[in-house]
C-alpha atoms as a PDB file:
ATOM      1  CA  MET A   1     -18.394 -21.389 -43.512  1.00  0.00           C
ATOM      2  CA  GLY A   2     -14.962 -20.255 -42.549  1.00  0.00           C
ATOM      3  CA  ILE A   3     -13.589 -19.526 -39.128  1.00  0.00           C
ATOM      4  CA  THR A   4     -14.821 -16.350 -37.444  1.00  0.00           C
ATOM      5  CA  TYR A   5     -13.703 -14.369 -34.431  1.00  0.00           C
ATOM      6  CA  LYS A   6     -16.805 -15.648 -32.549  1.00  0.00           C
ATOM      7  CA  SER A   7     -16.118 -19.391 -33.610  1.00  0.00           C
ATOM      8  CA  SER A   8     -12.567 -18.956 -32.270  1.00  0.00           C
ATOM      9  CA  GLY A   9     -13.777 -18.034 -29.001  1.00  0.00           C
ATOM     10  CA  VAL A  10     -14.122 -14.096 -28.971  1.00  0.00           C
ATOM     11  CA  ASP A  11     -17.707 -12.758 -28.744  1.00  0.00           C
ATOM     12  CA  ILE A  12     -17.812  -8.944 -29.813  1.00  0.00           C
ATOM     13  CA  ASP A  13     -21.521  -8.882 -29.218  1.00  0.00           C
ATOM     14  CA  ALA A  14     -21.044 -10.128 -25.536  1.00  0.00           C
ATOM     15  CA  GLY A  15     -18.590  -7.296 -24.876  1.00  0.00           C
ATOM     16  CA  GLU A  16     -20.920  -4.680 -26.301  1.00  0.00           C
ATOM     17  CA  GLU A  17     -23.752  -6.217 -24.245  1.00  0.00           C
ATOM     18  CA  THR A  18     -21.533  -5.802 -21.115  1.00  0.00           C
ATOM     19  CA  VAL A  19     -20.683  -2.028 -21.848  1.00  0.00           C
ATOM     20  CA  ARG A  20     -24.496  -1.400 -22.377  1.00  0.00           C
ATOM     21  CA  ARG A  21     -25.291  -2.950 -19.041  1.00  0.00           C
ATOM     22  CA  ILE A  22     -22.734  -0.920 -17.040  1.00  0.00           C
ATOM     23  CA  ALA A  23     -22.594   2.321 -18.800  1.00  0.00           C
ATOM     24  CA  ALA A  24     -25.077   4.130 -16.733  1.00  0.00           C
ATOM     25  CA  ALA A  25     -23.706   2.796 -13.402  1.00  0.00           C
ATOM     26  CA  VAL A  26     -20.167   3.804 -14.216  1.00  0.00           C
ATOM     27  CA  LYS A  27     -21.158   7.226 -15.301  1.00  0.00           C
ATOM     28  CA  SER A  28     -22.849   7.735 -12.085  1.00  0.00           C
ATOM     29  CA  THR A  29     -19.410   7.923 -10.367  1.00  0.00           C
ATOM     30  CA  HIS A  30     -18.339  10.823 -12.498  1.00  0.00           C
ATOM     31  CA  SER A  31     -18.049  14.419 -11.189  1.00  0.00           C
ATOM     32  CA  PRO A  32     -17.536  17.397 -13.304  1.00  0.00           C
ATOM     33  CA  LEU A  33     -13.798  16.762 -13.276  1.00  0.00           C
ATOM     34  CA  VAL A  34     -14.281  13.818 -15.579  1.00  0.00           C
ATOM     35  CA  LEU A  35     -14.170  15.459 -18.969  1.00  0.00           C
ATOM     36  CA  ASN A  36     -15.366  12.938 -21.464  1.00  0.00           C
ATOM     37  CA  GLU A  37     -18.014  10.150 -22.071  1.00  0.00           C
ATOM     38  CA  ILE A  38     -17.473   6.427 -21.580  1.00  0.00           C
ATOM     39  CA  GLY A  39     -16.028   4.679 -24.714  1.00  0.00           C
ATOM     40  CA  GLY A  40     -13.037   6.847 -25.697  1.00  0.00           C
ATOM     41  CA  PHE A  41      -9.574   5.702 -26.294  1.00  0.00           C
ATOM     42  CA  GLY A  42      -8.422   7.646 -23.097  1.00  0.00           C
ATOM     43  CA  ALA A  43     -10.159   9.073 -20.044  1.00  0.00           C
ATOM     44  CA  LEU A  44      -9.802  12.824 -19.317  1.00  0.00           C
ATOM     45  CA  PHE A  45      -9.665  14.220 -15.739  1.00  0.00           C
ATOM     46  CA  ASP A  46      -9.422  17.963 -15.015  1.00  0.00           C
ATOM     47  CA  ALA A  47      -6.024  18.456 -13.187  1.00  0.00           C
ATOM     48  CA  GLY A  48      -6.587  22.004 -12.151  1.00  0.00           C
ATOM     49  CA  PHE A  49      -6.633  20.996  -8.323  1.00  0.00           C
ATOM     50  CA  LYS A  50      -7.501  24.553  -7.268  1.00  0.00           C
ATOM     51  CA  ASP A  51      -7.806  23.520  -3.527  1.00  0.00           C
ATOM     52  CA  TYR A  52      -4.197  22.450  -3.448  1.00  0.00           C
ATOM     53  CA  GLU A  53      -0.873  24.599  -3.070  1.00  0.00           C
ATOM     54  CA  ALA A  54       1.432  21.661  -4.262  1.00  0.00           C
ATOM     55  CA  PRO A  55      -0.625  18.893  -5.447  1.00  0.00           C
ATOM     56  CA  VAL A  56       1.082  15.373  -5.546  1.00  0.00           C
ATOM     57  CA  LEU A  57      -0.542  12.388  -7.593  1.00  0.00           C
ATOM     58  CA  VAL A  58      -0.400   9.048  -5.803  1.00  0.00           C
ATOM     59  CA  SER A  59      -0.876   5.774  -7.827  1.00  0.00           C
ATOM     60  CA  SER A  60      -1.068   2.094  -7.042  1.00  0.00           C
ATOM     61  CA  VAL A  61      -1.988  -0.972  -8.972  1.00  0.00           C
ATOM     62  CA  ASP A  62      -3.216  -4.357  -7.582  1.00  0.00           C
ATOM     63  CA  GLY A  63      -5.257  -7.286  -8.017  1.00  0.00           C
ATOM     64  CA  VAL A  64      -7.297  -9.651  -5.543  1.00  0.00           C
ATOM     65  CA  GLY A  65      -5.319 -12.903  -6.089  1.00  0.00           C
ATOM     66  CA  THR A  66      -6.929 -16.447  -5.856  1.00  0.00           C
ATOM     67  CA  LYS A  67      -9.822 -14.934  -3.954  1.00  0.00           C
ATOM     68  CA  LEU A  68     -11.295 -15.061  -7.448  1.00  0.00           C
ATOM     69  CA  LYS A  69     -11.192 -18.823  -7.299  1.00  0.00           C
ATOM     70  CA  VAL A  70     -13.490 -18.660  -4.285  1.00  0.00           C
ATOM     71  CA  ALA A  71     -15.782 -16.364  -6.007  1.00  0.00           C
ATOM     72  CA  THR A  72     -16.052 -18.625  -9.088  1.00  0.00           C
ATOM     73  CA  LEU A  73     -16.634 -21.779  -7.072  1.00  0.00           C
ATOM     74  CA  TYR A  74     -19.263 -20.023  -4.847  1.00  0.00           C
ATOM     75  CA  GLY A  75     -20.915 -18.296  -7.761  1.00  0.00           C
ATOM     76  CA  LYS A  76     -20.899 -14.800  -6.249  1.00  0.00           C
ATOM     77  CA  HIS A  77     -19.071 -11.982  -8.184  1.00  0.00           C
ATOM     78  CA  ASP A  78     -20.517  -8.797  -6.710  1.00  0.00           C
ATOM     79  CA  THR A  79     -17.903  -8.369  -3.963  1.00  0.00           C
ATOM     80  CA  VAL A  80     -14.527  -8.847  -5.598  1.00  0.00           C
ATOM     81  CA  GLY A  81     -14.784  -5.619  -7.540  1.00  0.00           C
ATOM     82  CA  GLN A  82     -15.201  -3.726  -4.201  1.00  0.00           C
ATOM     83  CA  ASP A  83     -12.405  -5.716  -2.720  1.00  0.00           C
ATOM     84  CA  LEU A  84     -10.077  -4.438  -5.547  1.00  0.00           C
ATOM     85  CA  VAL A  85     -11.128  -0.728  -5.353  1.00  0.00           C
ATOM     86  CA  ASN A  86     -10.983  -0.746  -1.448  1.00  0.00           C
ATOM     87  CA  HIS A  87      -7.497  -2.464  -1.566  1.00  0.00           C
ATOM     88  CA  CYS A  88      -6.256   0.237  -3.669  1.00  0.00           C
ATOM     89  CA  VAL A  89      -7.834   3.085  -1.905  1.00  0.00           C
ATOM     90  CA  ASN A  90      -6.183   1.745   1.445  1.00  0.00           C
ATOM     91  CA  ASP A  91      -2.769   1.548  -0.439  1.00  0.00           C
ATOM     92  CA  ILE A  92      -2.724   5.214  -1.384  1.00  0.00           C
ATOM     93  CA  LEU A  93      -4.276   6.237   1.925  1.00  0.00           C
ATOM     94  CA  THR A  94      -0.993   5.117   3.595  1.00  0.00           C
ATOM     95  CA  THR A  95       0.553   8.286   1.953  1.00  0.00           C
ATOM     96  CA  GLY A  96      -2.310  10.626   3.070  1.00  0.00           C
ATOM     97  CA  ALA A  97      -3.888  10.626  -0.319  1.00  0.00           C
ATOM     98  CA  LYS A  98      -7.631  10.772  -1.185  1.00  0.00           C
ATOM     99  CA  PRO A  99      -8.694   8.928  -4.246  1.00  0.00           C
ATOM    100  CA  LEU A 100      -9.480  10.719  -7.563  1.00  0.00           C
ATOM    101  CA  PHE A 101     -10.178   8.086 -10.220  1.00  0.00           C
ATOM    102  CA  PHE A 102      -9.967   4.222 -10.669  1.00  0.00           C
ATOM    103  CA  LEU A 103      -9.279   2.213 -13.922  1.00  0.00           C
ATOM    104  CA  ASP A 104     -10.088  -1.479 -14.073  1.00  0.00           C
ATOM    105  CA  TYR A 105      -8.897  -4.579 -16.146  1.00  0.00           C
ATOM    106  CA  PHE A 106     -11.173  -7.555 -16.535  1.00  0.00           C
ATOM    107  CA  ALA A 107      -9.845 -10.629 -18.440  1.00  0.00           C
ATOM    108  CA  THR A 108     -11.620 -13.822 -18.978  1.00  0.00           C
ATOM    109  CA  GLY A 109     -11.627 -16.921 -21.127  1.00  0.00           C
ATOM    110  CA  SER A 110     -15.192 -16.512 -22.271  1.00  0.00           C
ATOM    111  CA  LEU A 111     -16.948 -13.296 -21.529  1.00  0.00           C
ATOM    112  CA  ASN A 112     -20.297 -13.943 -19.588  1.00  0.00           C
ATOM    113  CA  PRO A 113     -22.086 -10.471 -19.432  1.00  0.00           C
ATOM    114  CA  ASP A 114     -23.931 -11.540 -16.270  1.00  0.00           C
ATOM    115  CA  ILE A 115     -20.615 -12.176 -14.392  1.00  0.00           C
ATOM    116  CA  ALA A 116     -18.856  -9.170 -15.851  1.00  0.00           C
ATOM    117  CA  GLU A 117     -21.767  -6.967 -14.873  1.00  0.00           C
ATOM    118  CA  GLN A 118     -21.654  -8.160 -11.170  1.00  0.00           C
ATOM    119  CA  VAL A 119     -17.965  -7.587 -11.007  1.00  0.00           C
ATOM    120  CA  ILE A 120     -18.020  -4.201 -12.599  1.00  0.00           C
ATOM    121  CA  LEU A 121     -20.999  -3.020 -10.482  1.00  0.00           C
ATOM    122  CA  GLY A 122     -18.767  -4.036  -7.466  1.00  0.00           C
ATOM    123  CA  PHE A 123     -16.082  -1.482  -8.679  1.00  0.00           C
ATOM    124  CA  VAL A 124     -19.015   1.153  -9.137  1.00  0.00           C
ATOM    125  CA  LYS A 125     -20.269   0.625  -5.444  1.00  0.00           C
ATOM    126  CA  ALA A 126     -16.804   0.970  -3.853  1.00  0.00           C
ATOM    127  CA  CYS A 127     -15.937   3.991  -6.120  1.00  0.00           C
ATOM    128  CA  THR A 128     -19.085   5.539  -5.058  1.00  0.00           C
ATOM    129  CA  GLU A 129     -18.464   4.916  -1.381  1.00  0.00           C
ATOM    130  CA  ASN A 130     -14.952   6.169  -1.631  1.00  0.00           C
ATOM    131  CA  GLY A 131     -15.841   9.408  -3.621  1.00  0.00           C
ATOM    132  CA  CYS A 132     -13.713   8.007  -6.546  1.00  0.00           C
ATOM    133  CA  ALA A 133     -14.619   8.237 -10.278  1.00  0.00           C
ATOM    134  CA  LEU A 134     -14.493   4.923 -12.221  1.00  0.00           C
ATOM    135  CA  ILE A 135     -12.985   6.569 -15.294  1.00  0.00           C
ATOM    136  CA  GLY A 136     -11.968   3.808 -17.678  1.00  0.00           C
ATOM    137  CA  GLY A 137     -11.493   0.179 -18.022  1.00  0.00           C
ATOM    138  CA  GLU A 138     -10.727  -2.796 -20.265  1.00  0.00           C
ATOM    139  CA  THR A 139     -12.537  -6.083 -20.896  1.00  0.00           C
ATOM    140  CA  ALA A 140     -10.449  -8.688 -22.561  1.00  0.00           C
ATOM    141  CA  GLU A 141     -11.852 -12.097 -23.804  1.00  0.00           C
ATOM    142  CA  MET A 142      -8.948 -14.483 -24.157  1.00  0.00           C
ATOM    143  CA  PRO A 143      -9.690 -18.033 -24.949  1.00  0.00           C
ATOM    144  CA  GLY A 144      -6.869 -20.348 -24.465  1.00  0.00           C
ATOM    145  CA  MET A 145      -5.189 -17.992 -21.924  1.00  0.00           C
ATOM    146  CA  TYR A 146      -7.991 -18.484 -19.316  1.00  0.00           C
ATOM    147  CA  ALA A 147     -10.502 -21.271 -18.907  1.00  0.00           C
ATOM    148  CA  PRO A 148     -13.999 -20.347 -20.119  1.00  0.00           C
ATOM    149  CA  ALA A 149     -15.268 -19.780 -16.566  1.00  0.00           C
ATOM    150  CA  GLU A 150     -12.235 -18.101 -15.008  1.00  0.00           C
ATOM    151  CA  TYR A 151     -11.428 -14.396 -14.959  1.00  0.00           C
ATOM    152  CA  ASP A 152      -8.809 -12.181 -13.384  1.00  0.00           C
ATOM    153  CA  ILE A 153      -9.199  -8.362 -12.386  1.00  0.00           C
ATOM    154  CA  ALA A 154      -6.688  -5.676 -11.821  1.00  0.00           C
ATOM    155  CA  GLY A 155      -7.075  -2.037 -11.056  1.00  0.00           C
ATOM    156  CA  THR A 156      -5.120   1.212 -11.096  1.00  0.00           C
ATOM    157  CA  ILE A 157      -5.835   4.046  -8.733  1.00  0.00           C
ATOM    158  CA  VAL A 158      -4.712   7.616  -8.807  1.00  0.00           C
ATOM    159  CA  GLY A 159      -5.109   9.879  -5.787  1.00  0.00           C
ATOM    160  CA  ILE A 160      -3.936  13.306  -4.510  1.00  0.00           C
ATOM    161  CA  VAL A 161      -2.251  14.544  -1.418  1.00  0.00           C
ATOM    162  CA  GLU A 162      -0.873  18.022  -0.479  1.00  0.00           C
ATOM    163  CA  LYS A 163       2.826  17.892  -0.595  1.00  0.00           C
ATOM    164  CA  SER A 164       3.277  19.349   2.823  1.00  0.00           C
ATOM    165  CA  ARG A 165       0.875  16.551   4.292  1.00  0.00           C
ATOM    166  CA  ILE A 166       2.310  13.544   2.848  1.00  0.00           C
ATOM    167  CA  LEU A 167       2.873  10.906   5.574  1.00  0.00           C
ATOM    168  CA  ASN A 168       6.656  10.304   5.906  1.00  0.00           C
ATOM    169  CA  LYS A 169       8.200   7.643   7.882  1.00  0.00           C
ATOM    170  CA  GLU A 170      10.777  10.203   9.201  1.00  0.00           C
ATOM    171  CA  ASN A 171       8.015  11.492  11.487  1.00  0.00           C
ATOM    172  CA  VAL A 172       7.762   8.212  13.294  1.00  0.00           C
ATOM    173  CA  ARG A 173       9.423   8.148  16.669  1.00  0.00           C
ATOM    174  CA  GLU A 174      10.127   5.914  19.660  1.00  0.00           C
ATOM    175  CA  GLY A 175       7.062   5.936  21.987  1.00  0.00           C
ATOM    176  CA  ASP A 176       4.428   6.127  19.139  1.00  0.00           C
ATOM    177  CA  VAL A 177       1.420   4.013  19.684  1.00  0.00           C
ATOM    178  CA  LEU A 178       0.177   1.404  17.350  1.00  0.00           C
ATOM    179  CA  ILE A 179      -3.655   1.346  16.784  1.00  0.00           C
ATOM    180  CA  GLY A 180      -5.264  -1.457  14.953  1.00  0.00           C
ATOM    181  CA  LEU A 181      -8.318  -1.313  12.941  1.00  0.00           C
ATOM    182  CA  PRO A 182     -10.361  -4.579  12.511  1.00  0.00           C
ATOM    183  CA  SER A 183     -10.374  -6.319   9.241  1.00  0.00           C
ATOM    184  CA  THR A 184     -13.411  -8.046   7.805  1.00  0.00           C
ATOM    185  CA  GLY A 185     -11.520 -11.420   7.198  1.00  0.00           C
ATOM    186  CA  LEU A 186      -8.708 -12.271   4.938  1.00  0.00           C
ATOM    187  CA  HIS A 187      -9.341  -9.227   2.769  1.00  0.00           C
ATOM    188  CA  THR A 188      -7.430 -10.109  -0.392  1.00  0.00           C
ATOM    189  CA  ASN A 189      -4.313 -12.045   0.837  1.00  0.00           C
ATOM    190  CA  GLY A 190      -3.563 -15.473   1.776  1.00  0.00           C
ATOM    191  CA  PHE A 191      -6.351 -17.357  -0.126  1.00  0.00           C
ATOM    192  CA  SER A 192      -4.025 -19.950  -1.574  1.00  0.00           C
ATOM    193  CA  LEU A 193      -3.063 -21.161   1.810  1.00  0.00           C
ATOM    194  CA  ALA A 194      -6.806 -20.852   3.073  1.00  0.00           C
ATOM    195  CA  ARG A 195      -8.084 -22.794   0.191  1.00  0.00           C
ATOM    196  CA  ALA A 196      -5.401 -25.504   0.467  1.00  0.00           C
ATOM    197  CA  VAL A 197      -6.441 -26.050   4.188  1.00  0.00           C
ATOM    198  CA  LEU A 198     -10.214 -25.361   4.278  1.00  0.00           C
ATOM    199  CA  LEU A 199     -11.595 -26.706   0.921  1.00  0.00           C
ATOM    200  CA  PRO A 200     -10.570 -30.288   1.512  1.00  0.00           C
ATOM    201  CA  HIS A 201     -12.657 -30.206   4.675  1.00  0.00           C
ATOM    202  CA  PHE A 202     -15.681 -28.014   3.998  1.00  0.00           C
ATOM    203  CA  ASP A 203     -17.940 -27.133   1.144  1.00  0.00           C
ATOM    204  CA  LEU A 204     -18.205 -23.490   0.485  1.00  0.00           C
ATOM    205  CA  HIS A 205     -21.863 -23.501   0.953  1.00  0.00           C
ATOM    206  CA  ALA A 206     -21.665 -25.299   4.240  1.00  0.00           C
ATOM    207  CA  ARG A 207     -22.971 -23.199   7.229  1.00  0.00           C
ATOM    208  CA  ILE A 208     -20.360 -23.056   9.973  1.00  0.00           C
ATOM    209  CA  ASP A 209     -21.793 -21.801  13.387  1.00  0.00           C
ATOM    210  CA  ASP A 210     -18.567 -20.271  14.512  1.00  0.00           C
ATOM    211  CA  LEU A 211     -18.460 -18.163  11.328  1.00  0.00           C
ATOM    212  CA  GLU A 212     -22.190 -17.028  11.457  1.00  0.00           C
ATOM    213  CA  GLY A 213     -22.872 -18.166   7.986  1.00  0.00           C
ATOM    214  CA  THR A 214     -21.364 -20.126   5.089  1.00  0.00           C
ATOM    215  CA  LEU A 215     -17.658 -20.639   4.558  1.00  0.00           C
ATOM    216  CA  GLY A 216     -18.045 -18.848   1.226  1.00  0.00           C
ATOM    217  CA  GLU A 217     -19.741 -15.992   2.726  1.00  0.00           C
ATOM    218  CA  ALA A 218     -16.782 -15.634   5.418  1.00  0.00           C
ATOM    219  CA  LEU A 219     -14.113 -15.993   2.543  1.00  0.00           C
ATOM    220  CA  LEU A 220     -15.777 -13.386   0.354  1.00  0.00           C
ATOM    221  CA  ALA A 221     -16.418 -10.797   2.972  1.00  0.00           C
ATOM    222  CA  VAL A 222     -15.435  -7.266   1.316  1.00  0.00           C
ATOM    223  CA  HIS A 223     -12.087  -6.012   1.916  1.00  0.00           C
ATOM    224  CA  ARG A 224     -12.552  -2.921   4.129  1.00  0.00           C
ATOM    225  CA  SER A 225     -11.933   0.569   3.108  1.00  0.00           C
ATOM    226  CA  TYR A 226     -10.479   2.606   5.798  1.00  0.00           C
ATOM    227  CA  PHE A 227     -10.558   5.981   3.983  1.00  0.00           C
ATOM    228  CA  PRO A 228     -13.848   7.407   5.289  1.00  0.00           C
ATOM    229  CA  ALA A 229     -12.705   7.045   8.860  1.00  0.00           C
ATOM    230  CA  VAL A 230      -9.171   7.617   8.798  1.00  0.00           C
ATOM    231  CA  HIS A 231      -8.464  10.527   6.379  1.00  0.00           C
ATOM    232  CA  PRO A 232     -10.320  13.155   8.334  1.00  0.00           C
ATOM    233  CA  LEU A 233      -7.864  12.463  11.144  1.00  0.00           C
ATOM    234  CA  LEU A 234      -4.778  13.149   9.225  1.00  0.00           C
ATOM    235  CA  ALA A 235      -4.946  17.019   9.129  1.00  0.00           C
ATOM    236  CA  GLY A 236      -4.185  17.174  12.806  1.00  0.00           C
ATOM    237  CA  GLY A 237      -0.503  15.991  12.305  1.00  0.00           C
ATOM    238  CA  THR A 238      -0.777  13.423  15.102  1.00  0.00           C
ATOM    239  CA  VAL A 239      -0.919  10.459  12.827  1.00  0.00           C
ATOM    240  CA  HIS A 240       2.653   9.768  11.769  1.00  0.00           C
ATOM    241  CA  ALA A 241       2.055   6.641   9.523  1.00  0.00           C
ATOM    242  CA  LEU A 242      -0.471   4.182   8.297  1.00  0.00           C
ATOM    243  CA  SER A 243       0.139   0.502   7.500  1.00  0.00           C
ATOM    244  CA  HIS A 244      -2.141  -1.438   5.225  1.00  0.00           C
ATOM    245  CA  ILE A 245      -1.986  -4.986   6.264  1.00  0.00           C
ATOM    246  CA  THR A 246      -1.871  -7.110   3.234  1.00  0.00           C
ATOM    247  CA  GLY A 247       0.689  -9.944   2.170  1.00  0.00           C
ATOM    248  CA  GLY A 248       3.545  -9.951   4.526  1.00  0.00           C
ATOM    249  CA  GLY A 249       1.459  -9.504   7.601  1.00  0.00           C
ATOM    250  CA  ILE A 250       1.390  -7.011  10.416  1.00  0.00           C
ATOM    251  CA  ILE A 251       5.149  -6.878  10.945  1.00  0.00           C
ATOM    252  CA  GLY A 252       6.227  -7.036   7.256  1.00  0.00           C
ATOM    253  CA  ASN A 253       3.970  -4.230   6.148  1.00  0.00           C
ATOM    254  CA  THR A 254       4.373  -1.902   9.241  1.00  0.00           C
ATOM    255  CA  MET A 255       8.171  -2.213   8.977  1.00  0.00           C
ATOM    256  CA  ARG A 256       7.759  -0.543   5.629  1.00  0.00           C
ATOM    257  CA  VAL A 257       6.409   2.734   7.121  1.00  0.00           C
ATOM    258  CA  ILE A 258       8.977   3.188  10.084  1.00  0.00           C
ATOM    259  CA  PRO A 259      12.635   4.311  10.029  1.00  0.00           C
ATOM    260  CA  LYS A 260      15.176   1.484  10.056  1.00  0.00           C
ATOM    261  CA  HIS A 261      16.603   2.617  13.526  1.00  0.00           C
ATOM    262  CA  LEU A 262      13.076   1.897  15.060  1.00  0.00           C
ATOM    263  CA  ALA A 263      11.343  -1.441  15.789  1.00  0.00           C
ATOM    264  CA  LEU A 264       7.789  -2.805  16.482  1.00  0.00           C
ATOM    265  CA  ASP A 265       6.734  -4.016  19.921  1.00  0.00           C
ATOM    266  CA  ILE A 266       3.527  -5.955  19.177  1.00  0.00           C
ATOM    267  CA  ASP A 267       1.227  -7.321  21.851  1.00  0.00           C
ATOM    268  CA  TRP A 268      -0.240 -10.282  19.952  1.00  0.00           C
ATOM    269  CA  SER A 269      -2.740 -10.851  22.797  1.00  0.00           C
ATOM    270  CA  ALA A 270      -4.241  -7.337  22.448  1.00  0.00           C
ATOM    271  CA  TRP A 271      -7.124  -8.550  20.228  1.00  0.00           C
ATOM    272  CA  GLN A 272      -9.057 -11.720  19.681  1.00  0.00           C
ATOM    273  CA  ARG A 273      -8.377 -13.261  16.188  1.00  0.00           C
ATOM    274  CA  PRO A 274     -11.568 -13.972  14.217  1.00  0.00           C
ATOM    275  CA  ARG A 275     -12.420 -17.613  14.088  1.00  0.00           C
ATOM    276  CA  LEU A 276     -11.683 -17.984  10.349  1.00  0.00           C
ATOM    277  CA  PHE A 277      -7.874 -17.507  11.265  1.00  0.00           C
ATOM    278  CA  SER A 278      -7.976 -20.123  14.050  1.00  0.00           C
ATOM    279  CA  MET A 279      -9.761 -22.735  12.004  1.00  0.00           C
ATOM    280  CA  ILE A 280      -6.981 -22.353   9.164  1.00  0.00           C
ATOM    281  CA  GLN A 281      -4.241 -22.620  11.739  1.00  0.00           C
ATOM    282  CA  GLU A 282      -5.817 -25.615  13.539  1.00  0.00           C
ATOM    283  CA  LEU A 283      -6.908 -27.598  10.530  1.00  0.00           C
ATOM    284  CA  GLY A 284      -3.655 -27.159   8.629  1.00  0.00           C
ATOM    285  CA  ALA A 285      -1.298 -27.215  11.611  1.00  0.00           C
ATOM    286  CA  VAL A 286       0.011 -23.897  10.187  1.00  0.00           C
ATOM    287  CA  PRO A 287       2.933 -22.581  12.079  1.00  0.00           C
ATOM    288  CA  GLU A 288       2.520 -19.468  14.031  1.00  0.00           C
ATOM    289  CA  GLU A 289       5.379 -17.716  12.023  1.00  0.00           C
ATOM    290  CA  ASP A 290       3.493 -18.567   8.661  1.00  0.00           C
ATOM    291  CA  MET A 291       0.142 -17.326  10.047  1.00  0.00           C
ATOM    292  CA  ARG A 292       1.858 -13.917  10.947  1.00  0.00           C
ATOM    293  CA  ARG A 293       3.482 -13.576   7.644  1.00  0.00           C
ATOM    294  CA  THR A 294       0.559 -14.604   5.528  1.00  0.00           C
ATOM    295  CA  PHE A 295      -2.579 -13.150   7.148  1.00  0.00           C
ATOM    296  CA  ASN A 296      -3.692  -9.835   8.625  1.00  0.00           C
ATOM    297  CA  LEU A 297      -5.022 -11.932  11.563  1.00  0.00           C
ATOM    298  CA  GLY A 298      -7.951  -9.508  12.112  1.00  0.00           C
ATOM    299  CA  VAL A 299      -6.086  -6.230  11.800  1.00  0.00           C
ATOM    300  CA  GLY A 300      -6.673  -4.468   8.579  1.00  0.00           C
ATOM    301  CA  MET A 301      -4.860  -1.177   9.118  1.00  0.00           C
ATOM    302  CA  ILE A 302      -2.558   0.096  11.658  1.00  0.00           C
ATOM    303  CA  VAL A 303      -2.491   3.716  12.658  1.00  0.00           C
ATOM    304  CA  VAL A 304       0.993   4.840  14.066  1.00  0.00           C
ATOM    305  CA  ALA A 305       0.348   7.964  16.106  1.00  0.00           C
ATOM    306  CA  ASP A 306       1.836  10.304  18.697  1.00  0.00           C
ATOM    307  CA  ALA A 307       1.350   8.627  22.092  1.00  0.00           C
ATOM    308  CA  GLY A 308      -0.044  11.923  23.457  1.00  0.00           C
ATOM    309  CA  ALA A 309      -2.994  11.706  20.944  1.00  0.00           C
ATOM    310  CA  GLU A 310      -3.830   8.099  21.792  1.00  0.00           C
ATOM    311  CA  SER A 311      -7.128   8.968  23.595  1.00  0.00           C
ATOM    312  CA  SER A 312      -8.282  11.411  20.955  1.00  0.00           C
ATOM    313  CA  ILE A 313      -7.426   9.213  18.010  1.00  0.00           C
ATOM    314  CA  LEU A 314      -9.367   6.263  19.538  1.00  0.00           C
ATOM    315  CA  ALA A 315     -12.291   8.525  20.107  1.00  0.00           C
ATOM    316  CA  GLY A 316     -12.104   9.731  16.469  1.00  0.00           C
ATOM    317  CA  LEU A 317     -11.981   6.157  15.221  1.00  0.00           C
ATOM    318  CA  ALA A 318     -14.766   4.804  17.634  1.00  0.00           C
ATOM    319  CA  THR A 319     -17.154   3.707  14.837  1.00  0.00           C
ATOM    320  CA  GLU A 320     -14.279   1.387  13.728  1.00  0.00           C
ATOM    321  CA  LYS A 321     -13.604  -0.255  17.065  1.00  0.00           C
ATOM    322  CA  PRO A 322     -10.020   0.344  17.241  1.00  0.00           C
ATOM    323  CA  PHE A 323      -7.617  -1.176  19.751  1.00  0.00           C
ATOM    324  CA  VAL A 324      -3.940  -0.573  20.829  1.00  0.00           C
ATOM    325  CA  ILE A 325      -1.671  -3.262  19.585  1.00  0.00           C
ATOM    326  CA  GLY A 326       1.672  -2.091  20.529  1.00  0.00           C
ATOM    327  CA  ARG A 327       4.254   0.677  20.419  1.00  0.00           C
ATOM    328  CA  ILE A 328       7.343   1.993  18.349  1.00  0.00           C
ATOM    329  CA  THR A 329      10.546   1.089  20.234  1.00  0.00           C
ATOM    330  CA  ALA A 330      14.334   1.619  19.442  1.00  0.00           C
ATOM    331  CA  ALA A 331      15.754  -1.123  17.213  1.00  0.00           C
END
């Protein structure tokens, strides 16, 4: 018998089984604006946008990095899909946009329908929570490119914002307050450093009292979506900018959303860092500068707001347990 596609490492049957398993769940995220069924060569979305005078589409693409290594080692794959969607939702939220639809890419060395199903159902869960349609995706089996048990994921999101309501850094001014919203852990950044420090000392399944669970659970805590809490506050015009704290840390990301003639005055003692971050710093003797540039340090989103609206915004975000971390100053 000659060489077949399956014997060379690609199992079409496994791909079809994966689609069969996830089809109903994916379809559940669709609204009447999704105009075609799953399985076409392209996804169709109604762009009438009747509720907008000047609709602007906002897009972003991202991955979750080496957090996938932790998921594979720990054997838990139902959270990384949520991480990816929520990360992308937060990114476009910084413009004032709400999500419309999401497309995913899942690549692996050897397709395991059980793992693929867990990951994709994570996409479905987060899309549902964010009011976003999972409109299309690609599953690629690439033996030789990835080890059999390895996989990678990436996603593209498209959202919408009224042109007159786009968050513009030019609205930020001296005296604005910086309000931090807690992260749920590392979110999706800094895992290469975290793994290098922690895994030589701890098994992922080890229960660590300071973390209230296993190390694996702490590292795989789902990247939080701030859209449901933050987006309703934007209509008032008192929120001038939003900073999603990813790679680059608090300063690196927040400087992206303020004018060059302004600066940040951060009170680093304004909140207590979650124990996971101090463990990494202590065990690895990681310099403070590296910690601040690599991790969110417990702050997942920063709201830059008019100082006069500080109390009302803190009240509006009460369920998120916000805290003031600083001010905008002259450079």
